[in-house]
PDB file of N, CA and C in Angstrom:
ATOM      1  N   ASN A   1     -11.571  28.369  22.722  1.00  0.00           N
ATOM      2  CA  ASN A   1     -12.756  28.859  22.034  1.00  0.00           C
ATOM      3  C   ASN A   1     -13.512  27.668  21.447  1.00  0.00           C
ATOM      4  N   ASP A   2     -14.809  27.652  21.657  1.00  0.00           N
ATOM      5  CA  ASP A   2     -15.649  26.549  21.179  1.00  0.00           C
ATOM      6  C   ASP A   2     -15.631  26.424  19.663  1.00  0.00           C
ATOM      7  N   GLU A   3     -15.593  27.551  18.977  1.00  0.00           N
ATOM      8  CA  GLU A   3     -15.572  27.532  17.505  1.00  0.00           C
ATOM      9  C   GLU A   3     -14.282  26.895  16.993  1.00  0.00           C
ATOM     10  N   GLU A   4     -13.163  27.209  17.614  1.00  0.00           N
ATOM     11  CA  GLU A   4     -11.877  26.625  17.205  1.00  0.00           C
ATOM     12  C   GLU A   4     -11.879  25.116  17.446  1.00  0.00           C
ATOM     13  N   VAL A   5     -12.409  24.697  18.572  1.00  0.00           N
ATOM     14  CA  VAL A   5     -12.484  23.268  18.881  1.00  0.00           C
ATOM     15  C   VAL A   5     -13.369  22.562  17.861  1.00  0.00           C
ATOM     16  N   ARG A   6     -14.481  23.155  17.529  1.00  0.00           N
ATOM     17  CA  ARG A   6     -15.389  22.565  16.538  1.00  0.00           C
ATOM     18  C   ARG A   6     -14.701  22.446  15.178  1.00  0.00           C
ATOM     19  N   LEU A   7     -13.981  23.496  14.776  1.00  0.00           N
ATOM     20  CA  LEU A   7     -13.270  23.466  13.498  1.00  0.00           C
ATOM     21  C   LEU A   7     -12.160  22.415  13.499  1.00  0.00           C
ATOM     22  N   LEU A   8     -11.447  22.311  14.610  1.00  0.00           N
ATOM     23  CA  LEU A   8     -10.389  21.313  14.707  1.00  0.00           C
ATOM     24  C   LEU A   8     -10.964  19.898  14.654  1.00  0.00           C
ATOM     25  N   ARG A   9     -12.065  19.685  15.327  1.00  0.00           N
ATOM     26  CA  ARG A   9     -12.714  18.365  15.282  1.00  0.00           C
ATOM     27  C   ARG A   9     -13.138  18.018  13.859  1.00  0.00           C
ATOM     28  N   LYS A  10     -13.707  18.998  13.176  1.00  0.00           N
ATOM     29  CA  LYS A  10     -14.140  18.776  11.797  1.00  0.00           C
ATOM     30  C   LYS A  10     -12.929  18.446  10.910  1.00  0.00           C
ATOM     31  N   GLU A  11     -11.851  19.172  11.107  1.00  0.00           N
ATOM     32  CA  GLU A  11     -10.639  18.934  10.316  1.00  0.00           C
ATOM     33  C   GLU A  11     -10.078  17.534  10.598  1.00  0.00           C
ATOM     34  N   ILE A  12     -10.071  17.126  11.837  1.00  0.00           N
ATOM     35  CA  ILE A  12      -9.595  15.786  12.194  1.00  0.00           C
ATOM     36  C   ILE A  12     -10.477  14.719  11.555  1.00  0.00           C
ATOM     37  N   GLU A  13     -11.779  14.924  11.580  1.00  0.00           N
ATOM     38  CA  GLU A  13     -12.691  13.975  10.936  1.00  0.00           C
ATOM     39  C   GLU A  13     -12.412  13.867   9.441  1.00  0.00           C
ATOM     40  N   LEU A  14     -12.166  14.998   8.798  1.00  0.00           N
ATOM     41  CA  LEU A  14     -11.841  14.983   7.369  1.00  0.00           C
ATOM     42  C   LEU A  14     -10.536  14.235   7.116  1.00  0.00           C
ATOM     43  N   MET A  15      -9.549  14.494   7.968  1.00  0.00           N
ATOM     44  CA  MET A  15      -8.255  13.832   7.807  1.00  0.00           C
ATOM     45  C   MET A  15      -8.361  12.325   8.040  1.00  0.00           C
ATOM     46  N   MET A  16      -9.174  11.922   8.994  1.00  0.00           N
ATOM     47  CA  MET A  16      -9.360  10.490   9.242  1.00  0.00           C
ATOM     48  C   MET A  16     -10.065   9.826   8.063  1.00  0.00           C
ATOM     49  N   GLY A  17     -11.015  10.524   7.457  1.00  0.00           N
ATOM     50  CA  GLY A  17     -11.670   9.997   6.257  1.00  0.00           C
ATOM     51  C   GLY A  17     -10.692   9.862   5.109  1.00  0.00           C
ATOM     52  N   GLU A  18      -9.830  10.859   4.938  1.00  0.00           N
ATOM     53  CA  GLU A  18      -8.815  10.798   3.891  1.00  0.00           C
ATOM     54  C   GLU A  18      -7.827   9.671   4.162  1.00  0.00           C
ATOM     55  N   ARG A  19      -7.461   9.495   5.431  1.00  0.00           N
ATOM     56  CA  ARG A  19      -6.539   8.414   5.801  1.00  0.00           C
ATOM     57  C   ARG A  19      -7.149   7.067   5.422  1.00  0.00           C
ATOM     58  N   GLN A  20      -8.429   6.887   5.704  1.00  0.00           N
ATOM     59  CA  GLN A  20      -9.081   5.617   5.388  1.00  0.00           C
ATOM     60  C   GLN A  20      -9.062   5.364   3.880  1.00  0.00           C
ATOM     61  N   LYS A  21      -9.314   6.396   3.100  1.00  0.00           N
ATOM     62  CA  LYS A  21      -9.279   6.241   1.639  1.00  0.00           C
ATOM     63  C   LYS A  21      -7.865   5.911   1.167  1.00  0.00           C
ATOM     64  N   LEU A  22      -6.868   6.577   1.759  1.00  0.00           N
ATOM     65  CA  LEU A  22      -5.479   6.290   1.387  1.00  0.00           C
ATOM     66  C   LEU A  22      -5.081   4.876   1.792  1.00  0.00           C
ATOM     67  N   LEU A  23      -5.555   4.425   2.953  1.00  0.00           N
ATOM     68  CA  LEU A  23      -5.272   3.054   3.367  1.00  0.00           C
ATOM     69  C   LEU A  23      -5.872   2.058   2.380  1.00  0.00           C
ATOM     70  N   GLN A  24      -7.045   2.354   1.855  1.00  0.00           N
ATOM     71  CA  GLN A  24      -7.664   1.469   0.871  1.00  0.00           C
ATOM     72  C   GLN A  24      -6.826   1.418  -0.408  1.00  0.00           C
ATOM     73  N   VAL A  25      -6.318   2.570  -0.834  1.00  0.00           N
ATOM     74  CA  VAL A  25      -5.471   2.616  -2.035  1.00  0.00           C
ATOM     75  C   VAL A  25      -4.185   1.826  -1.797  1.00  0.00           C
ATOM     76  N   VAL A  26      -3.562   2.050  -0.647  1.00  0.00           N
ATOM     77  CA  VAL A  26      -2.317   1.352  -0.322  1.00  0.00           C
ATOM     78  C   VAL A  26      -2.571  -0.147  -0.193  1.00  0.00           C
ATOM     79  N   GLY A  27      -3.665  -0.517   0.446  1.00  0.00           N
ATOM     80  CA  GLY A  27      -3.991  -1.937   0.581  1.00  0.00           C
ATOM     81  C   GLY A  27      -4.199  -2.601  -0.762  1.00  0.00           C
ATOM     82  N   ALA A  28      -4.925  -1.937  -1.635  1.00  0.00           N
ATOM     83  CA  ALA A  28      -5.151  -2.487  -2.974  1.00  0.00           C
ATOM     84  C   ALA A  28      -3.828  -2.594  -3.740  1.00  0.00           C
ATOM     85  N   ALA A  29      -2.979  -1.593  -3.606  1.00  0.00           N
ATOM     86  CA  ALA A  29      -1.671  -1.633  -4.274  1.00  0.00           C
ATOM     87  C   ALA A  29      -0.815  -2.769  -3.722  1.00  0.00           C
ATOM     88  N   ALA A  30      -0.862  -2.975  -2.402  1.00  0.00           N
ATOM     89  CA  ALA A  30      -0.079  -4.054  -1.791  1.00  0.00           C
ATOM     90  C   ALA A  30      -0.554  -5.415  -2.284  1.00  0.00           C
ATOM     91  N   VAL A  31      -1.863  -5.587  -2.380  1.00  0.00           N
ATOM     92  CA  VAL A  31      -2.404  -6.852  -2.887  1.00  0.00           C
ATOM     93  C   VAL A  31      -1.992  -7.039  -4.352  1.00  0.00           C
ATOM     94  N   LEU A  32      -2.063  -5.985  -5.125  1.00  0.00           N
ATOM     95  CA  LEU A  32      -1.655  -6.061  -6.529  1.00  0.00           C
ATOM     96  C   LEU A  32      -0.195  -6.482  -6.645  1.00  0.00           C
ATOM     97  N   VAL A  33       0.683  -5.821  -5.897  1.00  0.00           N
ATOM     98  CA  VAL A  33       2.116  -6.136  -5.966  1.00  0.00           C
ATOM     99  C   VAL A  33       2.368  -7.567  -5.494  1.00  0.00           C
ATOM    100  N   ALA A  34       1.695  -7.975  -4.427  1.00  0.00           N
ATOM    101  CA  ALA A  34       1.903  -9.321  -3.894  1.00  0.00           C
ATOM    102  C   ALA A  34       1.481 -10.396  -4.894  1.00  0.00           C
ATOM    103  N   ASN A  35       0.479 -10.100  -5.704  1.00  0.00           N
ATOM    104  CA  ASN A  35      -0.035 -11.091  -6.652  1.00  0.00           C
ATOM    105  C   ASN A  35       0.519 -10.926  -8.057  1.00  0.00           C
ATOM    106  N   LEU A  36       1.336  -9.931  -8.256  1.00  0.00           N
ATOM    107  CA  LEU A  36       1.851  -9.615  -9.580  1.00  0.00           C
ATOM    108  C   LEU A  36       2.975 -10.560  -9.982  1.00  0.00           C
ATOM    109  N   ASP A  37       2.883 -11.069 -11.164  1.00  0.00           N
ATOM    110  CA  ASP A  37       3.966 -11.872 -11.730  1.00  0.00           C
ATOM    111  C   ASP A  37       4.848 -10.912 -12.512  1.00  0.00           C
ATOM    112  N   SER A  38       6.030 -10.634 -11.980  1.00  0.00           N
ATOM    113  CA  SER A  38       6.890  -9.640 -12.619  1.00  0.00           C
ATOM    114  C   SER A  38       7.281 -10.039 -14.036  1.00  0.00           C
ATOM    115  N   ASP A  39       7.263 -11.337 -14.306  1.00  0.00           N
ATOM    116  CA  ASP A  39       7.577 -11.784 -15.668  1.00  0.00           C
ATOM    117  C   ASP A  39       6.489 -11.399 -16.663  1.00  0.00           C
ATOM    118  N   ALA A  40       5.284 -11.137 -16.149  1.00  0.00           N
ATOM    119  CA  ALA A  40       4.170 -10.803 -17.030  1.00  0.00           C
ATOM    120  C   ALA A  40       4.082  -9.296 -17.306  1.00  0.00           C
ATOM    121  N   LEU A  41       4.922  -8.515 -16.634  1.00  0.00           N
ATOM    122  CA  LEU A  41       4.901  -7.066 -16.856  1.00  0.00           C
ATOM    123  C   LEU A  41       5.409  -6.731 -18.253  1.00  0.00           C
ATOM    124  N   PRO A  42       4.838  -5.696 -18.853  1.00  0.00           N
ATOM    125  CA  PRO A  42       5.430  -5.209 -20.102  1.00  0.00           C
ATOM    126  C   PRO A  42       6.890  -4.817 -19.831  1.00  0.00           C
ATOM    127  N   GLN A  43       7.723  -5.016 -20.786  1.00  0.00           N
ATOM    128  CA  GLN A  43       9.150  -4.807 -20.563  1.00  0.00           C
ATOM    129  C   GLN A  43       9.633  -3.384 -20.847  1.00  0.00           C
ATOM    130  N   ASP A  44       8.710  -2.439 -20.986  1.00  0.00           N
ATOM    131  CA  ASP A  44       9.173  -1.071 -21.209  1.00  0.00           C
ATOM    132  C   ASP A  44       9.653  -0.480 -19.880  1.00  0.00           C
ATOM    133  N   ARG A  45      10.630   0.373 -19.947  1.00  0.00           N
ATOM    134  CA  ARG A  45      11.307   0.922 -18.768  1.00  0.00           C
ATOM    135  C   ARG A  45      10.340   1.672 -17.855  1.00  0.00           C
ATOM    136  N   ASP A  46       9.403   2.431 -18.415  1.00  0.00           N
ATOM    137  CA  ASP A  46       8.468   3.200 -17.588  1.00  0.00           C
ATOM    138  C   ASP A  46       7.615   2.290 -16.703  1.00  0.00           C
ATOM    139  N   THR A  47       7.142   1.187 -17.260  1.00  0.00           N
ATOM    140  CA  THR A  47       6.329   0.250 -16.486  1.00  0.00           C
ATOM    141  C   THR A  47       7.158  -0.393 -15.381  1.00  0.00           C
ATOM    142  N   ILE A  48       8.347  -0.808 -15.718  1.00  0.00           N
ATOM    143  CA  ILE A  48       9.228  -1.439 -14.733  1.00  0.00           C
ATOM    144  C   ILE A  48       9.585  -0.454 -13.623  1.00  0.00           C
ATOM    145  N   ASP A  49       9.912   0.782 -14.005  1.00  0.00           N
ATOM    146  CA  ASP A  49      10.248   1.803 -13.004  1.00  0.00           C
ATOM    147  C   ASP A  49       9.064   2.077 -12.074  1.00  0.00           C
ATOM    148  N   ALA A  50       7.867   2.153 -12.638  1.00  0.00           N
ATOM    149  CA  ALA A  50       6.674   2.415 -11.828  1.00  0.00           C
ATOM    150  C   ALA A  50       6.416   1.260 -10.860  1.00  0.00           C
ATOM    151  N   ALA A  51       6.572   0.037 -11.340  1.00  0.00           N
ATOM    152  CA  ALA A  51       6.363  -1.139 -10.481  1.00  0.00           C
ATOM    153  C   ALA A  51       7.398  -1.174  -9.363  1.00  0.00           C
ATOM    154  N   GLU A  52       8.642  -0.860  -9.678  1.00  0.00           N
ATOM    155  CA  GLU A  52       9.693  -0.836  -8.661  1.00  0.00           C
ATOM    156  C   GLU A  52       9.431   0.262  -7.631  1.00  0.00           C
ATOM    157  N   LEU A  53       9.028   1.429  -8.088  1.00  0.00           N
ATOM    158  CA  LEU A  53       8.728   2.531  -7.169  1.00  0.00           C
ATOM    159  C   LEU A  53       7.577   2.163  -6.243  1.00  0.00           C
ATOM    160  N   LEU A  54       6.544   1.547  -6.795  1.00  0.00           N
ATOM    161  CA  LEU A  54       5.407   1.129  -5.981  1.00  0.00           C
ATOM    162  C   LEU A  54       5.837   0.096  -4.939  1.00  0.00           C
ATOM    163  N   ALA A  55       6.588  -0.902  -5.368  1.00  0.00           N
ATOM    164  CA  ALA A  55       7.040  -1.943  -4.441  1.00  0.00           C
ATOM    165  C   ALA A  55       7.939  -1.354  -3.355  1.00  0.00           C
ATOM    166  N   GLU A  56       8.856  -0.491  -3.725  1.00  0.00           N
ATOM    167  CA  GLU A  56       9.746   0.134  -2.740  1.00  0.00           C
ATOM    168  C   GLU A  56       8.967   1.017  -1.767  1.00  0.00           C
ATOM    169  N   SER A  57       7.995   1.742  -2.281  1.00  0.00           N
ATOM    170  CA  SER A  57       7.181   2.603  -1.418  1.00  0.00           C
ATOM    171  C   SER A  57       6.392   1.776  -0.412  1.00  0.00           C
ATOM    172  N   LEU A  58       5.844   0.665  -0.860  1.00  0.00           N
ATOM    173  CA  LEU A  58       5.115  -0.220   0.049  1.00  0.00           C
ATOM    174  C   LEU A  58       6.053  -0.818   1.093  1.00  0.00           C
ATOM    175  N   ASN A  59       7.242  -1.200   0.661  1.00  0.00           N
ATOM    176  CA  ASN A  59       8.213  -1.787   1.592  1.00  0.00           C
ATOM    177  C   ASN A  59       8.705  -0.782   2.624  1.00  0.00           C
ATOM    178  N   ASP A  60       8.680   0.507   2.285  1.00  0.00           N
ATOM    179  CA  ASP A  60       9.142   1.546   3.201  1.00  0.00           C
ATOM    180  C   ASP A  60       8.111   1.908   4.266  1.00  0.00           C
ATOM    181  N   LEU A  61       6.882   1.454   4.093  1.00  0.00           N
ATOM    182  CA  LEU A  61       5.841   1.775   5.068  1.00  0.00           C
ATOM    183  C   LEU A  61       6.100   1.060   6.391  1.00  0.00           C
ATOM    184  N   PRO A  62       5.747   1.701   7.484  1.00  0.00           N
ATOM    185  CA  PRO A  62       5.805   0.990   8.763  1.00  0.00           C
ATOM    186  C   PRO A  62       4.877  -0.231   8.710  1.00  0.00           C
ATOM    187  N   GLU A  63       5.273  -1.298   9.369  1.00  0.00           N
ATOM    188  CA  GLU A  63       4.501  -2.538   9.339  1.00  0.00           C
ATOM    189  C   GLU A  63       3.064  -2.321   9.787  1.00  0.00           C
ATOM    190  N   GLU A  64       2.872  -1.516  10.810  1.00  0.00           N
ATOM    191  CA  GLU A  64       1.515  -1.276  11.333  1.00  0.00           C
ATOM    192  C   GLU A  64       0.639  -0.571  10.279  1.00  0.00           C
ATOM    193  N   THR A  65       1.217   0.351   9.539  1.00  0.00           N
ATOM    194  CA  THR A  65       0.464   1.045   8.492  1.00  0.00           C
ATOM    195  C   THR A  65       0.070   0.071   7.389  1.00  0.00           C
ATOM    196  N   LEU A  66       0.991  -0.797   7.007  1.00  0.00           N
ATOM    197  CA  LEU A  66       0.687  -1.773   5.967  1.00  0.00           C
ATOM    198  C   LEU A  66      -0.401  -2.737   6.442  1.00  0.00           C
ATOM    199  N   LYS A  67      -0.341  -3.148   7.699  1.00  0.00           N
ATOM    200  CA  LYS A  67      -1.393  -4.004   8.239  1.00  0.00           C
ATOM    201  C   LYS A  67      -2.742  -3.288   8.206  1.00  0.00           C
ATOM    202  N   ASP A  68      -2.755  -2.013   8.595  1.00  0.00           N
ATOM    203  CA  ASP A  68      -3.996  -1.237   8.544  1.00  0.00           C
ATOM    204  C   ASP A  68      -4.521  -1.159   7.114  1.00  0.00           C
ATOM    205  N   ALA A  69      -3.607  -0.982   6.167  1.00  0.00           N
ATOM    206  CA  ALA A  69      -4.009  -0.877   4.759  1.00  0.00           C
ATOM    207  C   ALA A  69      -4.604  -2.191   4.264  1.00  0.00           C
ATOM    208  N   LEU A  70      -3.980  -3.294   4.630  1.00  0.00           N
ATOM    209  CA  LEU A  70      -4.507  -4.595   4.208  1.00  0.00           C
ATOM    210  C   LEU A  70      -5.857  -4.866   4.861  1.00  0.00           C
ATOM    211  N   GLU A  71      -6.005  -4.464   6.106  1.00  0.00           N
ATOM    212  CA  GLU A  71      -7.299  -4.617   6.777  1.00  0.00           C
ATOM    213  C   GLU A  71      -8.365  -3.759   6.098  1.00  0.00           C
ATOM    214  N   ALA A  72      -7.955  -2.603   5.591  1.00  0.00           N
ATOM    215  CA  ALA A  72      -8.903  -1.695   4.933  1.00  0.00           C
ATOM    216  C   ALA A  72      -9.514  -2.331   3.688  1.00  0.00           C
ATOM    217  N   VAL A  73      -8.763  -3.226   3.057  1.00  0.00           N
ATOM    218  CA  VAL A  73      -9.291  -3.921   1.877  1.00  0.00           C
ATOM    219  C   VAL A  73      -9.592  -5.384   2.191  1.00  0.00           C
ATOM    220  N   ARG A  74      -9.581  -5.696   3.482  1.00  0.00           N
ATOM    221  CA  ARG A  74      -9.888  -7.034   3.977  1.00  0.00           C
ATOM    222  C   ARG A  74      -9.002  -8.105   3.350  1.00  0.00           C
ATOM    223  N   ALA A  75      -7.717  -7.780   3.232  1.00  0.00           N
ATOM    224  CA  ALA A  75      -6.749  -8.738   2.694  1.00  0.00           C
ATOM    225  C   ALA A  75      -5.886  -9.237   3.838  1.00  0.00           C
ATOM    226  N   GLU A  76      -5.378 -10.428   3.661  1.00  0.00           N
ATOM    227  CA  GLU A  76      -4.477 -10.984   4.650  1.00  0.00           C
ATOM    228  C   GLU A  76      -3.098 -11.104   4.035  1.00  0.00           C
ATOM    229  N   PHE A  77      -2.107 -10.736   4.825  1.00  0.00           N
ATOM    230  CA  PHE A  77      -0.736 -10.825   4.369  1.00  0.00           C
ATOM    231  C   PHE A  77      -0.278 -12.266   4.468  1.00  0.00           C
ATOM    232  N   ASP A  78       0.207 -12.794   3.373  1.00  0.00           N
ATOM    233  CA  ASP A  78       0.700 -14.163   3.325  1.00  0.00           C
ATOM    234  C   ASP A  78       2.219 -14.094   3.252  1.00  0.00           C
ATOM    235  N   ALA A  79       2.884 -14.250   4.400  1.00  0.00           N
ATOM    236  CA  ALA A  79       4.335 -14.109   4.474  1.00  0.00           C
ATOM    237  C   ALA A  79       5.046 -15.109   3.570  1.00  0.00           C
ATOM    238  N   GLU A  80       4.525 -16.325   3.488  1.00  0.00           N
ATOM    239  CA  GLU A  80       5.149 -17.338   2.643  1.00  0.00           C
ATOM    240  C   GLU A  80       5.070 -16.956   1.170  1.00  0.00           C
ATOM    241  N   ALA A  81       3.916 -16.489   0.737  1.00  0.00           N
ATOM    242  CA  ALA A  81       3.759 -16.062  -0.661  1.00  0.00           C
ATOM    243  C   ALA A  81       4.640 -14.863  -0.956  1.00  0.00           C
ATOM    244  N   GLN A  82       4.760 -13.948   0.010  1.00  0.00           N
ATOM    245  CA  GLN A  82       5.605 -12.779  -0.190  1.00  0.00           C
ATOM    246  C   GLN A  82       7.073 -13.193  -0.301  1.00  0.00           C
ATOM    247  N   ALA A  83       7.496 -14.137   0.525  1.00  0.00           N
ATOM    248  CA  ALA A  83       8.875 -14.616   0.470  1.00  0.00           C
ATOM    249  C   ALA A  83       9.167 -15.259  -0.882  1.00  0.00           C
ATOM    250  N   GLU A  84       8.207 -16.041  -1.395  1.00  0.00           N
ATOM    251  CA  GLU A  84       8.380 -16.652  -2.706  1.00  0.00           C
ATOM    252  C   GLU A  84       8.469 -15.592  -3.798  1.00  0.00           C
ATOM    253  N   ALA A  85       7.641 -14.559  -3.698  1.00  0.00           N
ATOM    254  CA  ALA A  85       7.679 -13.466  -4.678  1.00  0.00           C
ATOM    255  C   ALA A  85       9.000 -12.725  -4.603  1.00  0.00           C
ATOM    256  N   ASP A  86       9.511 -12.523  -3.389  1.00  0.00           N
ATOM    257  CA  ASP A  86      10.802 -11.855  -3.232  1.00  0.00           C
ATOM    258  C   ASP A  86      11.923 -12.667  -3.857  1.00  0.00           C
ATOM    259  N   VAL A  87      11.871 -13.988  -3.674  1.00  0.00           N
ATOM    260  CA  VAL A  87      12.886 -14.858  -4.259  1.00  0.00           C
ATOM    261  C   VAL A  87      12.838 -14.786  -5.780  1.00  0.00           C
ATOM    262  N   ARG A  88      11.607 -14.843  -6.337  1.00  0.00           N
ATOM    263  CA  ARG A  88      11.460 -14.735  -7.793  1.00  0.00           C
ATOM    264  C   ARG A  88      11.986 -13.402  -8.302  1.00  0.00           C
ATOM    265  N   ARG A  89      11.649 -12.322  -7.563  1.00  0.00           N
ATOM    266  CA  ARG A  89      12.081 -10.988  -7.989  1.00  0.00           C
ATOM    267  C   ARG A  89      13.603 -10.880  -7.922  1.00  0.00           C
ATOM    268  N   ASP A  90      14.204 -11.386  -6.850  1.00  0.00           N
ATOM    269  CA  ASP A  90      15.656 -11.279  -6.690  1.00  0.00           C
ATOM    270  C   ASP A  90      16.409 -12.143  -7.688  1.00  0.00           C
ATOM    271  N   ALA A  91      15.755 -13.179  -8.205  1.00  0.00           N
ATOM    272  CA  ALA A  91      16.398 -14.061  -9.179  1.00  0.00           C
ATOM    273  C   ALA A  91      16.550 -13.379 -10.534  1.00  0.00           C
ATOM    274  N   HIS A  92      15.794 -12.314 -10.758  1.00  0.00           N
ATOM    275  CA  HIS A  92      15.852 -11.631 -12.060  1.00  0.00           C
ATOM    276  C   HIS A  92      16.819 -10.490 -12.069  1.00  0.00           C
TER     277      HIS A  92
END
């Protein structure tokens, strides 16, 4: 049915728009985490838990999704900087 196809196309367009917005949020969060100095975080448990949850959620994303997210905010992944941040984080 033409009406069903039209509705499905519209729904897909809406979902793709939402995906792009979510990629922008994820990309911005990834850049924030990558540039965050964990020593500068407030030491209250809620802040630390939220930062850990965000970092773990980003790490759980498929690599291709994370790349898409970084592209959405026009950021480049710096593997060396990330490795240094991981070392600093693991040292604590």
